[in-house]
PDB file of N, CA and C in Angstrom:
ATOM      1  N   MET A   1     -27.617   8.729   3.513  1.00  0.00           N
ATOM      2  CA  MET A   1     -26.586   8.260   2.598  1.00  0.00           C
ATOM      3  C   MET A   1     -25.394   7.742   3.398  1.00  0.00           C
ATOM      4  N   ASN A   2     -24.935   6.563   3.055  1.00  0.00           N
ATOM      5  CA  ASN A   2     -23.771   5.986   3.727  1.00  0.00           C
ATOM      6  C   ASN A   2     -22.498   6.429   3.050  1.00  0.00           C
ATOM      7  N   ASP A   3     -21.492   6.737   3.839  1.00  0.00           N
ATOM      8  CA  ASP A   3     -20.164   6.995   3.303  1.00  0.00           C
ATOM      9  C   ASP A   3     -19.440   5.662   3.192  1.00  0.00           C
ATOM     10  N   PHE A   4     -18.358   5.668   2.444  1.00  0.00           N
ATOM     11  CA  PHE A   4     -17.570   4.454   2.324  1.00  0.00           C
ATOM     12  C   PHE A   4     -16.095   4.813   2.224  1.00  0.00           C
ATOM     13  N   VAL A   5     -15.248   3.831   2.504  1.00  0.00           N
ATOM     14  CA  VAL A   5     -13.799   3.942   2.374  1.00  0.00           C
ATOM     15  C   VAL A   5     -13.305   2.680   1.690  1.00  0.00           C
ATOM     16  N   TYR A   6     -12.033   2.700   1.304  1.00  0.00           N
ATOM     17  CA  TYR A   6     -11.388   1.535   0.711  1.00  0.00           C
ATOM     18  C   TYR A   6     -10.329   1.019   1.682  1.00  0.00           C
ATOM     19  N   VAL A   7     -10.403  -0.244   2.015  1.00  0.00           N
ATOM     20  CA  VAL A   7      -9.415  -0.885   2.881  1.00  0.00           C
ATOM     21  C   VAL A   7      -8.409  -1.583   1.969  1.00  0.00           C
ATOM     22  N   VAL A   8      -7.142  -1.221   2.125  1.00  0.00           N
ATOM     23  CA  VAL A   8      -6.076  -1.766   1.283  1.00  0.00           C
ATOM     24  C   VAL A   8      -5.254  -2.729   2.131  1.00  0.00           C
ATOM     25  N   SER A   9      -5.131  -3.956   1.667  1.00  0.00           N
ATOM     26  CA  SER A   9      -4.379  -4.949   2.434  1.00  0.00           C
ATOM     27  C   SER A   9      -3.496  -5.786   1.521  1.00  0.00           C
ATOM     28  N   LEU A  10      -2.493  -6.388   2.145  1.00  0.00           N
ATOM     29  CA  LEU A  10      -1.668  -7.395   1.481  1.00  0.00           C
ATOM     30  C   LEU A  10      -2.185  -8.740   1.950  1.00  0.00           C
ATOM     31  N   GLU A  11      -2.387  -9.661   1.012  1.00  0.00           N
ATOM     32  CA  GLU A  11      -2.924 -10.969   1.359  1.00  0.00           C
ATOM     33  C   GLU A  11      -2.163 -12.059   0.620  1.00  0.00           C
ATOM     34  N   GLY A  12      -2.244 -13.276   1.133  1.00  0.00           N
ATOM     35  CA  GLY A  12      -1.606 -14.422   0.503  1.00  0.00           C
ATOM     36  C   GLY A  12      -0.855 -15.274   1.509  1.00  0.00           C
ATOM     37  N   LYS A  13      -0.365 -16.416   1.046  1.00  0.00           N
ATOM     38  CA  LYS A  13       0.337 -17.364   1.916  1.00  0.00           C
ATOM     39  C   LYS A  13       1.656 -16.808   2.445  1.00  0.00           C
ATOM     40  N   ASP A  14       2.275 -15.889   1.705  1.00  0.00           N
ATOM     41  CA  ASP A  14       3.559 -15.335   2.129  1.00  0.00           C
ATOM     42  C   ASP A  14       3.404 -14.028   2.911  1.00  0.00           C
ATOM     43  N   VAL A  15       2.204 -13.780   3.421  1.00  0.00           N
ATOM     44  CA  VAL A  15       1.940 -12.628   4.280  1.00  0.00           C
ATOM     45  C   VAL A  15       1.659 -13.175   5.681  1.00  0.00           C
ATOM     46  N   PHE A  16       2.236 -12.545   6.697  1.00  0.00           N
ATOM     47  CA  PHE A  16       2.052 -12.989   8.079  1.00  0.00           C
ATOM     48  C   PHE A  16       0.564 -13.092   8.402  1.00  0.00           C
ATOM     49  N   HIS A  17       0.134 -14.250   8.852  1.00  0.00           N
ATOM     50  CA  HIS A  17      -1.271 -14.563   9.143  1.00  0.00           C
ATOM     51  C   HIS A  17      -2.178 -14.397   7.918  1.00  0.00           C
ATOM     52  N   ASN A  18      -1.591 -14.482   6.721  1.00  0.00           N
ATOM     53  CA  ASN A  18      -2.296 -14.455   5.433  1.00  0.00           C
ATOM     54  C   ASN A  18      -2.953 -13.129   5.077  1.00  0.00           C
ATOM     55  N   ARG A  19      -2.900 -12.143   5.952  1.00  0.00           N
ATOM     56  CA  ARG A  19      -3.507 -10.839   5.648  1.00  0.00           C
ATOM     57  C   ARG A  19      -2.902  -9.761   6.542  1.00  0.00           C
ATOM     58  N   SER A  20      -2.621  -8.632   5.921  1.00  0.00           N
ATOM     59  CA  SER A  20      -2.100  -7.495   6.672  1.00  0.00           C
ATOM     60  C   SER A  20      -2.745  -6.214   6.131  1.00  0.00           C
ATOM     61  N   ILE A  21      -3.635  -5.641   6.919  1.00  0.00           N
ATOM     62  CA  ILE A  21      -4.264  -4.386   6.507  1.00  0.00           C
ATOM     63  C   ILE A  21      -3.194  -3.306   6.543  1.00  0.00           C
ATOM     64  N   GLN A  22      -3.065  -2.575   5.438  1.00  0.00           N
ATOM     65  CA  GLN A  22      -2.033  -1.557   5.310  1.00  0.00           C
ATOM     66  C   GLN A  22      -2.581  -0.146   5.502  1.00  0.00           C
ATOM     67  N   TYR A  23      -3.650   0.173   4.796  1.00  0.00           N
ATOM     68  CA  TYR A  23      -4.172   1.541   4.811  1.00  0.00           C
ATOM     69  C   TYR A  23      -5.673   1.539   4.580  1.00  0.00           C
ATOM     70  N   VAL A  24      -6.281   2.661   4.959  1.00  0.00           N
ATOM     71  CA  VAL A  24      -7.667   2.962   4.608  1.00  0.00           C
ATOM     72  C   VAL A  24      -7.621   4.276   3.847  1.00  0.00           C
ATOM     73  N   ILE A  25      -8.226   4.284   2.667  1.00  0.00           N
ATOM     74  CA  ILE A  25      -8.218   5.501   1.850  1.00  0.00           C
ATOM     75  C   ILE A  25      -9.658   5.906   1.527  1.00  0.00           C
ATOM     76  N   LYS A  26      -9.864   7.204   1.387  1.00  0.00           N
ATOM     77  CA  LYS A  26     -11.200   7.713   1.073  1.00  0.00           C
ATOM     78  C   LYS A  26     -11.469   7.745  -0.421  1.00  0.00           C
ATOM     79  N   HIS A  27     -10.412   7.851  -1.216  1.00  0.00           N
ATOM     80  CA  HIS A  27     -10.564   7.952  -2.665  1.00  0.00           C
ATOM     81  C   HIS A  27      -9.681   6.909  -3.341  1.00  0.00           C
ATOM     82  N   ILE A  28     -10.235   6.202  -4.308  1.00  0.00           N
ATOM     83  CA  ILE A  28      -9.494   5.165  -5.017  1.00  0.00           C
ATOM     84  C   ILE A  28      -8.311   5.750  -5.781  1.00  0.00           C
ATOM     85  N   ASP A  29      -8.359   7.048  -6.084  1.00  0.00           N
ATOM     86  CA  ASP A  29      -7.244   7.713  -6.767  1.00  0.00           C
ATOM     87  C   ASP A  29      -5.957   7.653  -5.947  1.00  0.00           C
ATOM     88  N   ASN A  30      -6.067   7.468  -4.636  1.00  0.00           N
ATOM     89  CA  ASN A  30      -4.887   7.394  -3.768  1.00  0.00           C
ATOM     90  C   ASN A  30      -4.192   6.036  -3.828  1.00  0.00           C
ATOM     91  N   LEU A  31      -4.749   5.104  -4.568  1.00  0.00           N
ATOM     92  CA  LEU A  31      -4.143   3.770  -4.642  1.00  0.00           C
ATOM     93  C   LEU A  31      -2.741   3.827  -5.244  1.00  0.00           C
ATOM     94  N   ASP A  32      -2.495   4.720  -6.183  1.00  0.00           N
ATOM     95  CA  ASP A  32      -1.148   4.849  -6.754  1.00  0.00           C
ATOM     96  C   ASP A  32      -0.132   5.269  -5.693  1.00  0.00           C
ATOM     97  N   LYS A  33      -0.520   6.147  -4.785  1.00  0.00           N
ATOM     98  CA  LYS A  33       0.367   6.549  -3.682  1.00  0.00           C
ATOM     99  C   LYS A  33       0.665   5.356  -2.783  1.00  0.00           C
ATOM    100  N   ILE A  34      -0.345   4.555  -2.516  1.00  0.00           N
ATOM    101  CA  ILE A  34      -0.177   3.380  -1.660  1.00  0.00           C
ATOM    102  C   ILE A  34       0.761   2.370  -2.319  1.00  0.00           C
ATOM    103  N   ARG A  35       0.638   2.190  -3.627  1.00  0.00           N
ATOM    104  CA  ARG A  35       1.537   1.283  -4.352  1.00  0.00           C
ATOM    105  C   ARG A  35       2.998   1.702  -4.175  1.00  0.00           C
ATOM    106  N   ILE A  36       3.261   2.998  -4.255  1.00  0.00           N
ATOM    107  CA  ILE A  36       4.630   3.512  -4.094  1.00  0.00           C
ATOM    108  C   ILE A  36       5.135   3.238  -2.683  1.00  0.00           C
ATOM    109  N   ILE A  37       4.305   3.498  -1.694  1.00  0.00           N
ATOM    110  CA  ILE A  37       4.688   3.270  -0.297  1.00  0.00           C
ATOM    111  C   ILE A  37       4.979   1.793  -0.050  1.00  0.00           C
ATOM    112  N   ILE A  38       4.108   0.911  -0.562  1.00  0.00           N
ATOM    113  CA  ILE A  38       4.309  -0.531  -0.371  1.00  0.00           C
ATOM    114  C   ILE A  38       5.569  -1.001  -1.082  1.00  0.00           C
ATOM    115  N   LYS A  39       5.847  -0.469  -2.258  1.00  0.00           N
ATOM    116  CA  LYS A  39       7.072  -0.849  -2.973  1.00  0.00           C
ATOM    117  C   LYS A  39       8.307  -0.452  -2.163  1.00  0.00           C
ATOM    118  N   GLU A  40       8.303   0.752  -1.602  1.00  0.00           N
ATOM    119  CA  GLU A  40       9.444   1.209  -0.803  1.00  0.00           C
ATOM    120  C   GLU A  40       9.578   0.422   0.497  1.00  0.00           C
ATOM    121  N   LYS A  41       8.453   0.099   1.110  1.00  0.00           N
ATOM    122  CA  LYS A  41       8.459  -0.568   2.412  1.00  0.00           C
ATOM    123  C   LYS A  41       8.744  -2.069   2.311  1.00  0.00           C
ATOM    124  N   TYR A  42       8.141  -2.747   1.323  1.00  0.00           N
ATOM    125  CA  TYR A  42       8.230  -4.210   1.232  1.00  0.00           C
ATOM    126  C   TYR A  42       8.918  -4.717  -0.032  1.00  0.00           C
ATOM    127  N   ASN A  43       9.301  -3.816  -0.942  1.00  0.00           N
ATOM    128  CA  ASN A  43       9.952  -4.185  -2.193  1.00  0.00           C
ATOM    129  C   ASN A  43       9.112  -5.170  -3.017  1.00  0.00           C
ATOM    130  N   VAL A  44       7.840  -4.851  -3.154  1.00  0.00           N
ATOM    131  CA  VAL A  44       6.944  -5.677  -3.967  1.00  0.00           C
ATOM    132  C   VAL A  44       6.039  -4.744  -4.776  1.00  0.00           C
ATOM    133  N   GLU A  45       5.818  -5.127  -6.041  1.00  0.00           N
ATOM    134  CA  GLU A  45       4.975  -4.346  -6.941  1.00  0.00           C
ATOM    135  C   GLU A  45       3.821  -5.218  -7.426  1.00  0.00           C
ATOM    136  N   PHE A  46       2.748  -4.559  -7.866  1.00  0.00           N
ATOM    137  CA  PHE A  46       1.553  -5.267  -8.289  1.00  0.00           C
ATOM    138  C   PHE A  46       1.098  -4.782  -9.658  1.00  0.00           C
ATOM    139  N   GLU A  47       0.323  -5.627 -10.331  1.00  0.00           N
ATOM    140  CA  GLU A  47      -0.227  -5.260 -11.633  1.00  0.00           C
ATOM    141  C   GLU A  47      -1.020  -3.964 -11.530  1.00  0.00           C
ATOM    142  N   LYS A  48      -1.080  -3.214 -12.616  1.00  0.00           N
ATOM    143  CA  LYS A  48      -1.858  -1.970 -12.642  1.00  0.00           C
ATOM    144  C   LYS A  48      -3.355  -2.244 -12.764  1.00  0.00           C
ATOM    145  N   LEU A  49      -3.721  -3.315 -13.468  1.00  0.00           N
ATOM    146  CA  LEU A  49      -5.121  -3.682 -13.628  1.00  0.00           C
ATOM    147  C   LEU A  49      -5.437  -4.887 -12.753  1.00  0.00           C
ATOM    148  N   ALA A  50      -6.619  -4.887 -12.188  1.00  0.00           N
ATOM    149  CA  ALA A  50      -7.024  -5.983 -11.309  1.00  0.00           C
ATOM    150  C   ALA A  50      -7.131  -7.288 -12.091  1.00  0.00           C
ATOM    151  N   CYS A  51      -6.627  -8.368 -11.502  1.00  0.00           N
ATOM    152  CA  CYS A  51      -6.743  -9.677 -12.137  1.00  0.00           C
ATOM    153  C   CYS A  51      -8.111 -10.291 -11.841  1.00  0.00           C
ATOM    154  N   ARG A  52      -8.706  -9.899 -10.731  1.00  0.00           N
ATOM    155  CA  ARG A  52     -10.059 -10.322 -10.363  1.00  0.00           C
ATOM    156  C   ARG A  52     -10.737  -9.138  -9.693  1.00  0.00           C
ATOM    157  N   PHE A  53     -12.040  -9.077  -9.855  1.00  0.00           N
ATOM    158  CA  PHE A  53     -12.759  -7.965  -9.249  1.00  0.00           C
ATOM    159  C   PHE A  53     -14.241  -8.287  -9.127  1.00  0.00           C
ATOM    160  N   SER A  54     -14.886  -7.522  -8.286  1.00  0.00           N
ATOM    161  CA  SER A  54     -16.321  -7.588  -8.090  1.00  0.00           C
ATOM    162  C   SER A  54     -16.795  -6.159  -7.899  1.00  0.00           C
ATOM    163  N   LEU A  55     -18.025  -5.982  -7.508  1.00  0.00           N
ATOM    164  CA  LEU A  55     -18.533  -4.623  -7.293  1.00  0.00           C
ATOM    165  C   LEU A  55     -17.823  -3.910  -6.140  1.00  0.00           C
ATOM    166  N   ASN A  56     -17.385  -4.659  -5.130  1.00  0.00           N
ATOM    167  CA  ASN A  56     -16.833  -4.050  -3.919  1.00  0.00           C
ATOM    168  C   ASN A  56     -15.391  -4.435  -3.606  1.00  0.00           C
ATOM    169  N   TRP A  57     -14.717  -5.142  -4.485  1.00  0.00           N
ATOM    170  CA  TRP A  57     -13.310  -5.483  -4.222  1.00  0.00           C
ATOM    171  C   TRP A  57     -12.539  -5.672  -5.520  1.00  0.00           C
ATOM    172  N   TRP A  58     -11.194  -5.480  -5.401  1.00  0.00           N
ATOM    173  CA  TRP A  58     -10.272  -5.631  -6.525  1.00  0.00           C
ATOM    174  C   TRP A  58      -9.032  -6.354  -6.021  1.00  0.00           C
ATOM    175  N   LYS A  59      -8.544  -7.308  -6.802  1.00  0.00           N
ATOM    176  CA  LYS A  59      -7.339  -8.073  -6.451  1.00  0.00           C
ATOM    177  C   LYS A  59      -6.279  -7.805  -7.511  1.00  0.00           C
ATOM    178  N   PHE A  60      -5.052  -7.458  -7.059  1.00  0.00           N
ATOM    179  CA  PHE A  60      -3.940  -7.167  -7.959  1.00  0.00           C
ATOM    180  C   PHE A  60      -2.806  -8.139  -7.652  1.00  0.00           C
ATOM    181  N   ASP A  61      -2.334  -8.853  -8.669  1.00  0.00           N
ATOM    182  CA  ASP A  61      -1.264  -9.843  -8.487  1.00  0.00           C
ATOM    183  C   ASP A  61       0.104  -9.206  -8.342  1.00  0.00           C
ATOM    184  N   ASN A  62       0.963  -9.911  -7.643  1.00  0.00           N
ATOM    185  CA  ASN A  62       2.370  -9.559  -7.453  1.00  0.00           C
ATOM    186  C   ASN A  62       3.105  -9.751  -8.780  1.00  0.00           C
ATOM    187  N   ILE A  63       3.864  -8.734  -9.212  1.00  0.00           N
ATOM    188  CA  ILE A  63       4.663  -8.874 -10.436  1.00  0.00           C
ATOM    189  C   ILE A  63       6.161  -8.808 -10.157  1.00  0.00           C
ATOM    190  N   THR A  64       6.537  -8.744  -8.880  1.00  0.00           N
ATOM    191  CA  THR A  64       7.945  -8.630  -8.503  1.00  0.00           C
ATOM    192  C   THR A  64       8.645  -9.983  -8.513  1.00  0.00           C
ATOM    193  N   ASP A  65       7.992 -10.990  -7.972  1.00  0.00           N
ATOM    194  CA  ASP A  65       8.604 -12.320  -7.846  1.00  0.00           C
ATOM    195  C   ASP A  65       7.491 -13.356  -7.738  1.00  0.00           C
ATOM    196  N   ASN A  66       7.840 -14.568  -7.319  1.00  0.00           N
ATOM    197  CA  ASN A  66       6.851 -15.644  -7.286  1.00  0.00           C
ATOM    198  C   ASN A  66       6.229 -15.864  -5.903  1.00  0.00           C
ATOM    199  N   ARG A  67       6.427 -14.933  -4.972  1.00  0.00           N
ATOM    200  CA  ARG A  67       5.793 -15.078  -3.660  1.00  0.00           C
ATOM    201  C   ARG A  67       4.272 -14.949  -3.798  1.00  0.00           C
ATOM    202  N   ASP A  68       3.561 -15.656  -2.937  1.00  0.00           N
ATOM    203  CA  ASP A  68       2.095 -15.593  -2.922  1.00  0.00           C
ATOM    204  C   ASP A  68       1.669 -14.376  -2.092  1.00  0.00           C
ATOM    205  N   ILE A  69       1.728 -13.220  -2.734  1.00  0.00           N
ATOM    206  CA  ILE A  69       1.318 -11.951  -2.125  1.00  0.00           C
ATOM    207  C   ILE A  69       0.498 -11.206  -3.167  1.00  0.00           C
ATOM    208  N   TYR A  70      -0.626 -10.701  -2.768  1.00  0.00           N
ATOM    209  CA  TYR A  70      -1.404  -9.864  -3.676  1.00  0.00           C
ATOM    210  C   TYR A  70      -1.986  -8.680  -2.916  1.00  0.00           C
ATOM    211  N   LEU A  71      -2.311  -7.662  -3.675  1.00  0.00           N
ATOM    212  CA  LEU A  71      -2.877  -6.435  -3.128  1.00  0.00           C
ATOM    213  C   LEU A  71      -4.392  -6.524  -3.258  1.00  0.00           C
ATOM    214  N   MET A  72      -5.081  -6.353  -2.153  1.00  0.00           N
ATOM    215  CA  MET A  72      -6.535  -6.428  -2.144  1.00  0.00           C
ATOM    216  C   MET A  72      -7.104  -5.083  -1.716  1.00  0.00           C
ATOM    217  N   VAL A  73      -8.077  -4.600  -2.466  1.00  0.00           N
ATOM    218  CA  VAL A  73      -8.753  -3.346  -2.141  1.00  0.00           C
ATOM    219  C   VAL A  73     -10.232  -3.672  -1.987  1.00  0.00           C
ATOM    220  N   LYS A  74     -10.786  -3.353  -0.802  1.00  0.00           N
ATOM    221  CA  LYS A  74     -12.202  -3.631  -0.541  1.00  0.00           C
ATOM    222  C   LYS A  74     -12.915  -2.337  -0.162  1.00  0.00           C
ATOM    223  N   ARG A  75     -14.041  -2.133  -0.783  1.00  0.00           N
ATOM    224  CA  ARG A  75     -14.868  -0.972  -0.457  1.00  0.00           C
ATOM    225  C   ARG A  75     -15.793  -1.367   0.694  1.00  0.00           C
ATOM    226  N   VAL A  76     -15.756  -0.596   1.777  1.00  0.00           N
ATOM    227  CA  VAL A  76     -16.602  -0.889   2.932  1.00  0.00           C
ATOM    228  C   VAL A  76     -17.356   0.375   3.352  1.00  0.00           C
ATOM    229  N   ASP A  77     -18.570   0.165   3.824  1.00  0.00           N
ATOM    230  CA  ASP A  77     -19.384   1.278   4.283  1.00  0.00           C
ATOM    231  C   ASP A  77     -18.894   1.787   5.641  1.00  0.00           C
ATOM    232  N   VAL A  78     -19.055   3.080   5.841  1.00  0.00           N
ATOM    233  CA  VAL A  78     -18.757   3.701   7.130  1.00  0.00           C
ATOM    234  C   VAL A  78     -20.091   4.079   7.763  1.00  0.00           C
ATOM    235  N   ILE A  79     -20.306   3.597   8.955  1.00  0.00           N
ATOM    236  CA  ILE A  79     -21.530   3.926   9.671  1.00  0.00           C
ATOM    237  C   ILE A  79     -21.158   4.883  10.792  1.00  0.00           C
ATOM    238  N   ASP A  80     -21.774   6.041  10.746  1.00  0.00           N
ATOM    239  CA  ASP A  80     -21.439   7.084  11.717  1.00  0.00           C
ATOM    240  C   ASP A  80     -22.640   7.390  12.575  1.00  0.00           C
TER     241      ASP A  80
END
């Protein structure tokens, strides 16, 4: 059985090099904690529900302002 984690990143044209990996979390329930940390650190908030999604990723739009920044969560396998 493969384990997996969630990679949380900020992406978009207004992010340095278009992508910045922020955190890796083991449980999707921790995403609310990450949202709080990102709001305090970068002063940007995101929608509560994903605007786009697939089986292994979720995209959340910026609701703070009109900058091209979104929160991306990707599920990736861990090979040990």
